[in-house]
Protein backbone atom coordinates (compact mmCIF):
# COMPACT_ATOMS: atom_id res chain seq x y z
CA UNK A 1 55.98 -25.48 56.25
CA UNK A 2 52.99 -26.78 58.28
CA UNK A 3 51.06 -23.52 57.92
CA UNK A 4 51.74 -23.01 54.54
CA UNK A 5 50.21 -26.09 53.53
CA UNK A 6 47.42 -25.50 56.17
CA UNK A 7 46.50 -22.81 53.79
CA UNK A 8 46.93 -24.31 50.60
CA UNK A 9 44.07 -26.88 51.87
CA UNK A 10 41.94 -24.18 53.05
CA UNK A 11 41.82 -22.14 49.83
CA UNK A 12 41.14 -25.34 48.13
CA UNK A 13 38.25 -26.61 50.18
CA UNK A 14 37.24 -22.39 49.18
CA UNK A 15 37.28 -23.36 45.84
CA UNK A 16 35.62 -27.14 45.36
CA UNK A 17 32.49 -24.65 48.11
CA UNK A 18 31.98 -22.10 45.12
CA UNK A 19 32.38 -24.52 42.23
CA UNK A 20 29.67 -27.11 43.94
CA UNK A 21 27.82 -23.85 44.07
CA UNK A 22 26.84 -22.92 40.47
CA UNK A 23 23.91 -24.16 38.72
CA UNK A 24 23.70 -24.61 34.81
CA UNK A 25 21.50 -22.04 33.14
CA UNK A 26 18.95 -23.65 30.52
CA UNK A 27 19.75 -23.40 26.54
CA UNK A 28 17.57 -20.87 24.98
CA UNK A 29 15.92 -20.75 21.80
CA UNK A 30 18.43 -18.25 20.92
CA UNK A 31 22.13 -17.36 20.45
CA UNK A 32 23.85 -17.58 24.17
CA UNK A 33 25.72 -15.45 22.34
CA UNK A 34 23.58 -12.58 21.47
CA UNK A 35 21.38 -11.11 24.24
CA UNK A 36 17.93 -11.62 23.63
CA UNK A 37 16.26 -8.79 21.74
CA UNK A 38 12.90 -9.30 23.75
CA UNK A 39 14.58 -8.41 27.09
CA UNK A 40 13.22 -4.58 27.28
CA UNK A 41 16.09 -1.53 27.25
CA UNK A 42 17.25 0.11 31.06
CA UNK A 43 15.71 3.64 31.01
CA UNK A 44 17.65 6.69 30.11
CA UNK A 45 18.57 7.40 33.04
CA UNK A 46 20.15 4.31 33.76
CA UNK A 47 23.63 3.82 32.74
CA UNK A 48 23.45 0.89 30.22
CA UNK A 49 26.36 -1.54 30.90
CA UNK A 50 28.62 -2.37 27.97
CA UNK A 51 28.23 -5.30 26.68
CA UNK A 52 31.64 -8.01 26.74
CA UNK A 53 33.76 -7.31 23.58
CA UNK A 54 34.36 -10.49 21.23
CA UNK A 55 36.14 -11.11 18.69
CA UNK A 56 33.71 -11.73 15.48
CA UNK A 57 33.32 -15.33 13.71
CA UNK A 58 35.86 -15.89 11.12
CA UNK A 59 34.26 -16.12 7.67
CA UNK A 60 34.25 -19.36 6.08
CA UNK A 61 32.77 -21.37 3.24
CA UNK A 62 31.98 -25.43 2.77
CA UNK A 63 30.27 -25.80 5.62
CA UNK A 64 26.43 -26.85 6.39
CA UNK A 65 23.70 -26.84 9.28
CA UNK A 66 23.16 -30.02 10.80
CA UNK A 67 19.50 -29.68 9.10
CA UNK A 68 18.94 -28.23 6.24
CA UNK A 69 14.99 -27.28 5.71
CA UNK A 70 12.07 -29.27 3.91
CA UNK A 71 11.02 -27.15 0.95
CA UNK A 72 7.05 -26.61 0.94
CA UNK A 73 6.50 -24.89 -2.17
CA UNK A 74 9.37 -23.01 -1.78
CA UNK A 75 8.76 -22.10 1.57
CA UNK A 76 9.69 -23.61 4.76
CA UNK A 77 6.39 -24.11 6.00
CA UNK A 78 3.36 -24.03 4.06
CA UNK A 79 1.55 -20.84 3.87
CA UNK A 80 -1.53 -22.67 4.83
CA UNK A 81 -2.14 -21.38 8.79
CA UNK A 82 0.28 -18.43 8.09
CA UNK A 83 -0.84 -14.83 9.30
CA UNK A 84 -1.43 -12.53 6.35
CA UNK A 85 -1.69 -8.61 5.93
CA UNK A 86 -3.94 -6.25 3.57
CA UNK A 87 -1.23 -3.79 2.52
CA UNK A 88 -4.37 -1.96 0.94
CA UNK A 89 -7.86 -1.91 1.29
CA UNK A 90 -9.03 -4.86 -0.58
CA UNK A 91 -12.23 -5.94 -1.90
CA UNK A 92 -13.23 -9.68 -0.17
CA UNK A 93 -14.91 -12.15 -2.78
CA UNK A 94 -17.17 -14.62 -1.64
CA UNK A 95 -15.49 -15.89 -4.92
CA UNK A 96 -12.91 -14.92 -7.35
CA UNK A 97 -14.87 -15.09 -10.42
CA UNK A 98 -16.97 -11.64 -9.17
CA UNK A 99 -14.18 -10.03 -8.99
CA UNK A 100 -13.53 -10.90 -12.32
CA UNK A 101 -17.41 -9.79 -13.13
CA UNK A 102 -16.64 -6.67 -11.39
CA UNK A 103 -14.36 -5.58 -13.83
CA UNK A 104 -15.81 -6.93 -17.14
CA UNK A 105 -18.49 -4.22 -15.99
CA UNK A 106 -16.51 -1.56 -15.29
CA UNK A 107 -14.86 -2.47 -18.28
CA UNK A 108 -17.57 -2.11 -20.29
CA UNK A 109 -18.71 0.66 -18.64
CA UNK A 110 -15.58 2.77 -19.14
CA UNK A 111 -15.86 1.74 -23.24
CA UNK A 112 -19.44 2.94 -23.40
CA UNK A 113 -18.29 6.15 -21.80
CA UNK A 114 -15.56 6.56 -23.88
CA UNK A 115 -18.08 6.25 -26.98
CA UNK A 116 -20.73 8.43 -25.73
CA UNK A 117 -18.33 11.17 -25.34
CA UNK A 118 -17.02 11.06 -28.86
CA UNK A 119 -20.74 11.22 -30.31
CA UNK A 120 -21.34 14.20 -27.83
CA UNK A 121 -17.82 15.79 -29.40
CA UNK A 122 -18.60 14.85 -33.18
CA UNK A 123 -22.51 16.25 -32.92
CA UNK A 124 -20.77 19.04 -31.41
CA UNK A 125 -18.62 19.42 -33.97
CA UNK A 126 -21.16 19.87 -36.52
CA UNK A 127 -22.57 22.34 -35.22
CA UNK A 128 -19.55 24.49 -34.91
CA UNK A 129 -19.23 23.64 -38.72
CA UNK A 130 -23.20 24.35 -39.52
CA UNK A 131 -23.29 27.06 -37.85
CA UNK A 132 -19.51 28.50 -39.83
CA UNK A 133 -21.26 27.86 -42.50
CA UNK A 134 -24.53 29.59 -42.14
CA UNK A 135 -22.43 32.59 -41.08
CA UNK A 136 -20.31 33.20 -44.11
CA UNK A 137 -23.69 32.09 -46.34
CA UNK A 138 -25.81 35.62 -44.09
CA UNK A 139 -22.29 37.50 -44.71
CA UNK A 140 -21.68 36.65 -48.63
CA UNK A 141 -24.91 37.66 -49.07
CA UNK A 142 -25.02 40.69 -47.30
CA UNK A 143 -21.70 41.68 -49.25
CA UNK A 144 -23.84 40.84 -52.99
CA UNK A 145 -27.03 42.94 -51.67
CA UNK A 146 -25.19 45.83 -50.44
CA UNK A 147 -27.31 47.09 -47.01
CA UNK A 148 -30.16 44.26 -47.90
CA UNK A 149 -31.41 42.04 -45.28
CA UNK A 150 -29.84 39.04 -45.60
CA UNK A 151 -33.49 37.97 -45.86
CA UNK A 152 -34.77 39.79 -48.58
CA UNK A 153 -31.42 38.94 -50.31
CA UNK A 154 -32.49 35.80 -49.57
CA UNK A 155 -36.33 35.88 -50.76
CA UNK A 156 -34.86 37.69 -54.24
CA UNK A 157 -32.20 35.22 -54.91
CA UNK A 158 -35.39 32.46 -54.31
CA UNK A 159 -37.61 34.63 -56.91
CA UNK A 160 -37.30 33.13 -60.74
CA UNK A 161 -34.86 34.79 -62.46
CA UNK A 162 -37.04 35.41 -66.02
CA UNK A 163 -40.23 36.64 -63.88
CA UNK A 164 -40.95 40.32 -64.99
CA UNK A 165 -42.90 42.52 -63.42
CA UNK A 166 -45.70 43.93 -65.46
CA UNK A 167 -45.82 47.49 -66.77
CA UNK A 168 -49.49 49.93 -66.39
CA UNK A 169 -51.21 50.55 -70.28
CA UNK A 170 -50.09 53.68 -71.59
CA UNK A 171 -54.14 55.10 -71.42
CA UNK A 172 -54.06 53.52 -67.75
CA UNK A 173 -57.12 51.17 -68.69
CA UNK A 174 -55.43 47.78 -67.81
CA UNK A 175 -52.18 45.59 -67.54
CA UNK A 176 -49.93 44.40 -70.61
CA UNK A 177 -51.29 41.27 -71.81
CA UNK A 178 -48.75 38.37 -70.97
CA UNK A 179 -46.21 36.95 -73.86
CA UNK A 180 -46.98 33.79 -75.85
CA UNK A 181 -46.09 31.33 -73.53
CA UNK A 182 -47.10 32.39 -70.44
CA UNK A 183 -50.41 33.18 -70.85
CA UNK A 184 -51.34 29.74 -69.69
CA UNK A 185 -48.60 30.22 -66.84
CA UNK A 186 -50.68 33.93 -65.76
CA UNK A 187 -54.30 32.49 -66.18
CA UNK A 188 -53.19 29.88 -63.75
CA UNK A 189 -51.86 31.74 -60.98
CA UNK A 190 -54.47 34.49 -61.37
CA UNK A 191 -56.73 31.57 -60.74
CA UNK A 192 -55.22 30.62 -57.80
CA UNK A 193 -55.09 34.03 -56.95
CA UNK A 194 -58.89 34.32 -57.18
CA UNK A 195 -59.28 30.95 -55.81
CA UNK A 196 -57.98 32.39 -52.74
CA UNK A 197 -59.93 36.28 -52.16
CA UNK A 198 -63.60 34.91 -53.63
CA UNK A 199 -65.91 33.17 -52.15
CA UNK A 200 -67.25 30.43 -54.34
CA UNK A 201 -71.02 30.33 -55.17
CA UNK A 202 -72.90 27.29 -53.86
CA UNK A 203 -72.78 24.59 -56.75
CA UNK A 204 -76.28 22.62 -57.88
CA UNK A 205 -76.38 19.94 -56.03
CA UNK A 206 -74.93 21.33 -52.47
CA UNK A 207 -77.04 21.82 -49.74
CA UNK A 208 -77.48 25.45 -48.92
CA UNK A 209 -77.02 26.57 -45.11
CA UNK A 210 -80.47 26.27 -43.58
CA UNK A 211 -80.86 28.32 -40.07
CA UNK A 212 -81.82 26.74 -36.47
CA UNK A 213 -85.29 26.10 -35.76
CA UNK A 214 -86.50 28.85 -33.21
CA UNK A 215 -85.80 27.06 -29.27
CA UNK A 216 -83.72 24.25 -31.02
CA UNK A 217 -79.85 24.71 -30.17
CA UNK A 218 -77.31 23.97 -32.13
CA UNK A 219 -74.40 22.05 -30.67
CA UNK A 220 -71.34 23.72 -31.24
CA UNK A 221 -69.19 22.53 -33.70
CA UNK A 222 -65.46 22.76 -33.77
CA UNK A 223 -64.71 24.53 -36.62
CA UNK A 224 -62.07 22.42 -39.27
CA UNK A 225 -59.99 26.28 -39.56
CA UNK A 226 -60.05 29.30 -37.90
CA UNK A 227 -59.55 32.33 -39.74
CA UNK A 228 -55.92 33.14 -39.84
CA UNK A 229 -55.15 36.69 -38.02
CA UNK A 230 -52.89 37.39 -41.12
CA UNK A 231 -56.21 37.40 -43.08
CA UNK A 232 -55.85 34.35 -45.33
CA UNK A 233 -57.63 31.97 -44.55
CA UNK A 234 -57.70 28.32 -44.86
CA UNK A 235 -54.67 28.08 -42.13
CA UNK A 236 -54.95 25.13 -38.70
CA UNK A 237 -54.61 28.02 -35.66
CA UNK A 238 -51.91 26.17 -33.83
CA UNK A 239 -52.44 27.45 -30.22
CA UNK A 240 -48.96 27.68 -28.20
CA UNK A 241 -48.87 24.64 -25.82
CA UNK A 242 -47.05 24.32 -22.23
CA UNK A 243 -44.04 22.67 -22.54
CA UNK A 244 -44.81 19.04 -21.09
CA UNK A 245 -43.28 18.60 -16.93
CA UNK A 246 -40.82 15.57 -17.32
CA UNK A 247 -39.02 14.70 -14.00
CA UNK A 248 -35.38 14.75 -13.72
CA UNK A 249 -33.95 11.57 -14.89
CA UNK A 250 -31.70 10.52 -11.93
CA UNK A 251 -28.18 8.93 -13.22
CA UNK A 252 -26.65 6.42 -12.92
CA UNK A 253 -23.87 5.95 -10.85
CA UNK A 254 -20.87 3.58 -12.89
CA UNK A 255 -20.05 0.73 -11.76
CA UNK A 256 -16.81 0.29 -9.63
CA UNK A 257 -13.95 -2.81 -9.06
CA UNK A 258 -15.72 -3.94 -5.26
CA UNK A 259 -19.49 -3.91 -6.66
CA UNK A 260 -20.28 -7.50 -5.50
CA UNK A 261 -18.05 -7.83 -2.77
CA UNK A 262 -18.51 -9.02 0.68
CA UNK A 263 -16.45 -6.48 2.75
CA UNK A 264 -13.61 -4.05 1.78
CA UNK A 265 -10.61 -5.27 4.11
CA UNK A 266 -9.01 -2.30 5.18
CA UNK A 267 -4.80 -2.05 5.02
CA UNK A 268 -2.98 -3.44 7.72
CA UNK A 269 -6.10 -6.24 8.83
CA UNK A 270 -4.65 -9.32 9.85
CA UNK A 271 -6.15 -12.37 8.60
CA UNK A 272 -5.06 -16.19 8.54
CA UNK A 273 -4.41 -17.92 5.39
CA UNK A 274 -6.50 -20.88 4.65
CA UNK A 275 -5.61 -22.41 1.56
CA UNK A 276 -3.99 -20.79 -1.79
CA UNK A 277 -5.59 -20.94 -5.94
CA UNK A 278 -3.84 -19.77 -8.32
CA UNK A 279 -3.47 -15.72 -7.37
CA UNK A 280 -5.42 -15.86 -4.18
CA UNK A 281 -6.04 -17.12 -0.93
CA UNK A 282 -8.88 -18.04 1.20
CA UNK A 283 -8.83 -15.96 4.20
CA UNK A 284 -10.45 -15.73 7.74
CA UNK A 285 -11.04 -12.74 8.96
CA UNK A 286 -12.40 -10.43 11.62
CA UNK A 287 -13.84 -6.84 9.53
CA UNK A 288 -16.46 -5.22 8.64
CA UNK A 289 -18.70 -6.86 5.79
CA UNK A 290 -22.07 -6.32 4.10
CA UNK A 291 -25.40 -7.41 4.69
CA UNK A 292 -27.37 -6.66 1.76
CA UNK A 293 -26.96 -6.90 -2.03
CA UNK A 294 -26.82 -2.77 -1.73
CA UNK A 295 -23.93 -3.16 0.11
CA UNK A 296 -24.69 -0.31 2.69
CA UNK A 297 -25.67 -2.43 5.57
CA UNK A 298 -22.47 -3.43 7.49
CA UNK A 299 -21.98 -5.72 10.54
CA UNK A 300 -18.26 -6.93 12.57
CA UNK A 301 -17.13 -10.45 12.31
CA UNK A 302 -15.48 -12.85 11.26
CA UNK A 303 -16.01 -14.05 7.94
CA UNK A 304 -14.15 -15.68 5.37
CA UNK A 305 -13.57 -15.16 1.68
CA UNK A 306 -11.21 -15.00 -0.78
CA UNK A 307 -8.40 -12.06 -1.50
CA UNK A 308 -5.67 -11.52 -4.20
CA UNK A 309 -2.21 -12.26 -2.56
CA UNK A 310 -0.31 -9.89 -4.84
CA UNK A 311 -1.48 -7.21 -2.33
CA UNK A 312 -0.76 -9.19 0.95
CA UNK A 313 1.41 -8.86 3.22
CA UNK A 314 2.92 -12.60 5.02
CA UNK A 315 4.27 -12.67 8.52
CA UNK A 316 7.88 -14.36 7.21
CA UNK A 317 8.61 -16.40 10.51
CA UNK A 318 5.25 -17.97 9.66
CA UNK A 319 6.54 -20.12 6.61
CA UNK A 320 10.59 -19.45 6.85
CA UNK A 321 10.91 -19.92 10.41
CA UNK A 322 14.85 -20.27 10.25
CA UNK A 323 15.50 -17.17 9.40
CA UNK A 324 17.05 -14.85 13.11
CA UNK A 325 14.36 -11.79 13.22
CA UNK A 326 15.21 -9.17 15.74
CA UNK A 327 12.99 -6.31 14.91
CA UNK A 328 15.01 -4.07 16.58
CA UNK A 329 13.44 -1.16 15.90
CA UNK A 330 9.99 -3.03 18.19
CA UNK A 331 12.25 -2.79 21.13
CA UNK A 332 15.58 -0.55 20.89
CA UNK A 333 16.30 1.34 17.68
CA UNK A 334 19.76 1.33 16.57
CA UNK A 335 19.66 4.78 14.20
CA UNK A 336 22.56 6.42 14.37
CA UNK A 337 24.44 8.44 12.15
CA UNK A 338 28.73 8.84 12.82
CA UNK A 339 27.93 6.71 15.59
CA UNK A 340 26.04 9.43 17.24
CA UNK A 341 22.68 9.25 19.06
CA UNK A 342 20.04 10.82 16.89
CA UNK A 343 17.72 12.40 19.59
CA UNK A 344 14.19 11.69 19.61
CA UNK A 345 14.92 8.13 17.73
CA UNK A 346 17.87 6.04 18.84
CA UNK A 347 16.84 3.34 22.04
CA UNK A 348 13.00 4.26 20.73
CA UNK A 349 10.65 1.66 20.75
CA UNK A 350 8.79 2.48 17.60
CA UNK A 351 6.05 -0.04 17.46
CA UNK A 352 4.52 -3.15 18.87
CA UNK A 353 7.16 -6.14 19.62
CA UNK A 354 6.97 -10.09 20.12
CA UNK A 355 4.17 -12.03 20.00
CA UNK A 356 2.88 -15.58 21.11
CA UNK A 357 2.82 -17.17 18.04
CA UNK A 358 1.00 -20.39 17.94
CA UNK A 359 1.92 -21.61 14.84
CA UNK A 360 6.19 -22.08 16.38
CA UNK A 361 4.87 -22.53 19.52
CA UNK A 362 7.24 -19.27 21.30
CA UNK A 363 7.24 -15.78 21.28
CA UNK A 364 8.51 -14.40 17.93
CA UNK A 365 8.30 -11.18 16.46
CA UNK A 366 5.81 -9.80 13.54
CA UNK A 367 8.28 -9.52 10.03
CA UNK A 368 5.64 -9.04 7.08
CA UNK A 369 6.86 -8.12 3.71
CA UNK A 370 4.81 -9.06 0.36
CA UNK A 371 3.91 -12.67 -0.07
CA UNK A 372 6.02 -13.13 -3.57
CA UNK A 373 8.93 -11.88 -1.98
CA UNK A 374 9.34 -14.35 0.69
CA UNK A 375 9.98 -16.91 -1.99
CA UNK A 376 13.35 -14.84 -2.59
CA UNK A 377 14.26 -14.66 0.68
CA UNK A 378 13.86 -18.01 1.18
CA UNK A 379 15.96 -19.49 -1.65
CA UNK A 380 19.16 -16.56 -0.06
CA UNK A 381 18.38 -18.24 3.57
CA UNK A 382 18.43 -21.82 2.08
CA UNK A 383 21.77 -20.78 0.15
CA UNK A 384 23.04 -19.10 3.80
CA UNK A 385 22.07 -22.40 5.47
CA UNK A 386 24.11 -24.52 3.16
CA UNK A 387 27.44 -22.64 4.32
CA UNK A 388 26.64 -23.13 7.72
CA UNK A 389 25.49 -18.91 7.77
CA UNK A 390 22.22 -17.26 8.28
CA UNK A 391 20.06 -14.00 8.00
CA UNK A 392 19.32 -11.60 10.26
CA UNK A 393 16.10 -9.83 9.40
CA UNK A 394 16.09 -6.52 11.09
CA UNK A 395 12.88 -4.90 9.50
CA UNK A 396 10.68 -5.30 6.55
CA UNK A 397 7.36 -4.10 6.84
CA UNK A 398 8.40 -0.10 8.21
CA UNK A 399 4.92 2.11 8.68
CA UNK A 400 5.72 5.39 7.41
CA UNK A 401 5.26 7.58 11.06
CA UNK A 402 8.58 6.00 11.54
CA UNK A 403 10.27 6.97 8.41
CA UNK A 404 9.18 10.55 8.84
CA UNK A 405 10.01 10.79 12.78
CA UNK A 406 13.38 9.17 11.81
CA UNK A 407 13.61 11.87 8.64
CA UNK A 408 12.78 14.77 10.52
CA UNK A 409 14.81 14.13 13.70
CA UNK A 410 18.20 13.74 10.94
CA UNK A 411 17.38 16.82 8.97
CA UNK A 412 17.52 18.76 12.35
CA UNK A 413 20.82 16.92 13.67
CA UNK A 414 22.28 17.98 9.79
CA UNK A 415 21.72 21.49 10.99
CA UNK A 416 23.99 21.43 14.27
CA UNK A 417 26.14 19.52 13.37
CA UNK A 418 28.69 19.63 10.23
CA UNK A 419 30.49 16.06 10.85
CA UNK A 420 26.35 14.55 10.25
CA UNK A 421 26.04 17.42 7.59
CA UNK A 422 28.81 16.18 5.56
CA UNK A 423 28.22 12.58 6.30
CA UNK A 424 24.63 12.60 5.30
CA UNK A 425 24.58 15.15 2.43
CA UNK A 426 27.88 15.31 1.00
CA UNK A 427 28.08 14.72 -2.31
CA UNK A 428 27.42 12.55 -4.42
CA UNK A 429 24.76 12.02 -1.11
CA UNK A 430 21.56 13.15 -0.90
CA UNK A 431 19.48 12.50 2.79
CA UNK A 432 17.20 10.69 1.07
CA UNK A 433 19.55 7.94 0.34
CA UNK A 434 19.50 7.42 4.10
CA UNK A 435 16.02 7.65 4.82
CA UNK A 436 13.56 8.60 2.64
CA UNK A 437 11.32 11.81 2.29
CA UNK A 438 8.31 10.57 0.95
CA UNK A 439 7.35 6.47 0.96
CA UNK A 440 9.74 3.93 0.85
CA UNK A 441 9.86 0.34 -0.04
CA UNK A 442 9.46 -0.19 3.59
CA UNK A 443 5.94 1.11 3.40
CA UNK A 444 5.56 -0.05 0.20
CA UNK A 445 6.22 -4.36 1.22
CA UNK A 446 9.32 -4.93 -0.53
CA UNK A 447 12.43 -4.29 1.19
CA UNK A 448 14.22 -5.36 3.72
CA UNK A 449 17.02 -4.92 6.39
CA UNK A 450 19.51 -7.61 7.02
CA UNK A 451 22.63 -8.79 8.68
CA UNK A 452 24.44 -12.06 8.37
CA UNK A 453 25.44 -14.78 11.44
CA UNK A 454 26.93 -18.19 11.69
CA UNK A 455 25.12 -20.70 12.73
CA UNK A 456 26.46 -23.06 15.69
CA UNK A 457 23.50 -25.13 16.38
CA UNK A 458 20.15 -25.85 14.58
CA UNK A 459 17.16 -27.98 15.75
CA UNK A 460 14.23 -29.46 14.49
CA UNK A 461 10.56 -28.84 15.29
CA UNK A 462 7.38 -29.74 13.44
CA UNK A 463 4.02 -27.65 13.20
CA UNK A 464 0.96 -29.51 12.36
CA UNK A 465 3.28 -32.54 11.07
CA UNK A 466 5.29 -30.28 8.66
CA UNK A 467 9.30 -31.03 10.06
CA UNK A 468 11.17 -27.34 10.36
CA UNK A 469 14.42 -26.15 11.41
CA UNK A 470 15.63 -23.74 13.57
CA UNK A 471 18.32 -21.58 14.57
CA UNK A 472 19.63 -23.03 18.26
CA UNK A 473 22.88 -20.80 19.02
CA UNK A 474 24.65 -18.15 16.13
CA UNK A 475 27.36 -15.76 16.52
CA UNK A 476 27.07 -12.18 14.47
CA UNK A 477 29.56 -11.51 11.48
CA UNK A 478 31.22 -7.95 11.77
CA UNK A 479 29.68 -5.55 8.99
CA UNK A 480 30.93 -2.45 7.50
CA UNK A 481 29.03 -0.53 9.94
CA UNK A 482 26.68 -1.36 12.53
CA UNK A 483 22.96 -2.09 11.30
CA UNK A 484 21.27 1.24 10.55
CA UNK A 485 24.55 3.71 10.57
CA UNK A 486 22.76 6.95 8.31
CA UNK A 487 25.93 7.83 6.73
CA UNK A 488 27.84 7.42 3.39
CA UNK A 489 30.06 5.06 5.99
CA UNK A 490 27.64 2.34 5.46
CA UNK A 491 27.55 2.90 1.80
CA UNK A 492 27.95 0.34 -0.63
CA UNK A 493 29.09 1.98 -3.36
CA UNK A 494 31.23 4.74 -4.17
CA UNK A 495 28.10 6.80 -5.78
CA UNK A 496 24.60 6.44 -5.81
CA UNK A 497 22.85 3.79 -8.22
CA UNK A 498 19.83 3.60 -10.46
CA UNK A 499 17.49 2.43 -7.65
CA UNK A 500 14.11 0.75 -9.68
CA UNK A 501 17.06 -0.67 -11.75
CA UNK A 502 17.93 -5.27 -11.39
CA UNK A 503 20.94 -4.73 -13.01
CA UNK A 504 22.64 -1.30 -12.95
CA UNK A 505 24.57 -2.27 -9.51
CA UNK A 506 26.71 -4.67 -10.97
CA UNK A 507 28.80 -1.90 -12.88
CA UNK A 508 28.86 0.56 -9.85
CA UNK A 509 32.64 0.59 -8.22
CA UNK A 510 32.15 -0.63 -4.05
CA UNK A 511 33.47 1.50 -1.31
CA UNK A 512 36.91 -0.39 0.32
CA UNK A 513 34.94 -0.72 3.50
CA UNK A 514 32.28 -2.99 1.74
CA UNK A 515 35.06 -4.82 -0.54
CA UNK A 516 36.85 -6.02 1.91
CA UNK A 517 34.52 -7.26 4.12
CA UNK A 518 33.80 -10.98 2.84
CA UNK A 519 30.50 -11.75 5.24
CA UNK A 520 29.33 -8.64 3.93
CA UNK A 521 30.05 -9.62 0.09
CA UNK A 522 28.21 -13.39 1.52
CA UNK A 523 24.84 -11.97 2.32
CA UNK A 524 25.40 -9.46 -0.29
CA UNK A 525 25.91 -12.96 -2.97
CA UNK A 526 23.12 -14.89 -1.19
CA UNK A 527 20.54 -11.98 -1.91
CA UNK A 528 21.82 -11.31 -5.45
CA UNK A 529 21.18 -14.88 -6.49
CA UNK A 530 18.01 -15.15 -5.69
CA UNK A 531 17.02 -11.98 -7.47
CA UNK A 532 17.25 -9.40 -4.64
CA UNK A 533 18.80 -6.18 -5.53
CA UNK A 534 21.23 -4.46 -3.16
CA UNK A 535 20.86 -0.79 -2.59
CA UNK A 536 23.89 1.76 -2.53
CA UNK A 537 24.08 3.77 0.34
CA UNK A 538 22.89 0.86 2.62
CA UNK A 539 24.94 -2.48 3.32
CA UNK A 540 22.20 -4.24 4.75
CA UNK A 541 19.25 -3.04 2.77
CA UNK A 542 17.62 -5.36 -0.93
CA UNK A 543 14.82 -4.32 -2.63
CA UNK A 544 12.77 -6.89 -4.67
CA UNK A 545 12.02 -5.07 -7.78
CA UNK A 546 10.19 -7.75 -9.32
CA UNK A 547 7.78 -7.84 -6.53
CA UNK A 548 7.30 -3.82 -7.08
CA UNK A 549 6.35 -3.97 -10.68
CA UNK A 550 3.42 -6.47 -9.76
CA UNK A 551 2.43 -3.77 -7.09
CA UNK A 552 2.34 -0.99 -9.38
CA UNK A 553 -1.20 0.25 -9.85
CA UNK A 554 -2.21 -0.47 -6.17
CA UNK A 555 0.70 0.21 -3.72
CA UNK A 556 0.88 0.30 0.33
CA UNK A 557 1.69 3.50 1.60
CA UNK A 558 2.71 1.86 5.16
CA UNK A 559 -1.00 3.77 6.93
CA UNK A 560 -0.53 0.71 10.18
CA UNK A 561 1.29 -0.83 12.77
CA UNK A 562 1.07 -4.71 12.78
CA UNK A 563 0.51 -5.71 16.33
CA UNK A 564 -1.28 -9.56 16.27
CA UNK A 565 -0.98 -12.09 14.62
CA UNK A 566 -3.06 -14.79 13.95
CA UNK A 567 -1.07 -17.74 13.28
CA UNK A 568 -1.89 -21.72 13.31
CA UNK A 569 -0.54 -24.65 12.76
CA UNK A 570 -0.58 -26.09 9.16
CA UNK A 571 -3.49 -28.15 7.71
């Protein structure tokens, strides 16, 4: 009995010692139930440790988070100080009015050019009609005159109709006398002929020609008329003159929509938003800028000007900090098909990951979308937070080279794996529904991939004196499939739905997996209430078609990587 008590006492002492040796880990600014996505993945040669299996949180509605974010003109933080990116090459203006002047000049030139072309076509038409009429007249004259030439026929037709050729006298001694009424005409014609062929004698009172005295040279005089080679007198001689040499006229280059701009900001260039006025941002950017009015000399450096913000991306953490950001493709891609690894895709880091964000005072992902889409995402997040949930943003802008690499690898997989081939290309689906072969909406800047989490704690922060909220602890809901499962298992609807319609999805039939998943339905409700449109083939993908309509004339093609931020506290 004494030995038993001794053993129990020793066991109790060991338990106390072990407990005292433990230390409490400081709470991170991410959910304790989710691994920090900034942690670099293990190398492929190391075996990955399986994550502990946890029951997903139960779906609830009617809850709210402890603090709801403030609203700053439709965002959680003001736009001032946020990082923006040019989605396409954009002119930077000293004043927005300069852009209007350039556009007006182009419009006026185009109108003048259209008028010039119209006049040229009209002149060409008239010349063609004249040539055709002359050809028809010549053909008609030739037909009437037999073998006579058109010129002869024309001369004959021009002669007086009643003129007759005089016949010789029977005796051969003269011409036939003119008929009555024709005497005056004949005399007039004869007088004219005589005047042309005979020399008129000097009349009284005229000074006769004198000879030049010997030894005196007479200054040469330029005769008023030169003798006509044909023999007719009094016709001025005209010597052929060489054509005047004219210098070639340089055509002026037509005006362009960038004339007068301070600089051309390349797509992907980051900048800091200083202020907003209407459709414009005043920004500070480091780029090549013009130093002369002819826009031929440039210098690299910092410059301030105005950009039309509908063509600009905004870094979402700068304006909606309460969303949970997890850019998986920046550190370990989750792309799979039928749960299988896609070679050279799954687990890859496709572009730069977290960087220090001075505006938020922490390391954060770079997650841009077109500016007007940010307002809809903010509205969706506000709806989620009101029910105790939060959006998880996995990807916004995606470079085209990433899109192409995933497509090529998945296409190769369909040629060797029948299960994947059927899941990706089996009717009514095509591979383009899961990964586009052209430019997807991710490259354009108006598409996002999202999930949903249950929030258990939030904290309040300030930036530049403005209050905002960040999610402190959360649990991810279980969705129909893991994120970026490229197969029909992830489909929202049983068949494709017109992608550019804002209403067609409302009449589509949901898959069983989607219809029975309350968190997925909640995510769709938050997004569609904010006027985002779901994608038929992926439960996580939502488009902003109204933003799309604003940039159809100048869409991005995803030809850049996002690698830095220029964020500062809002002024």
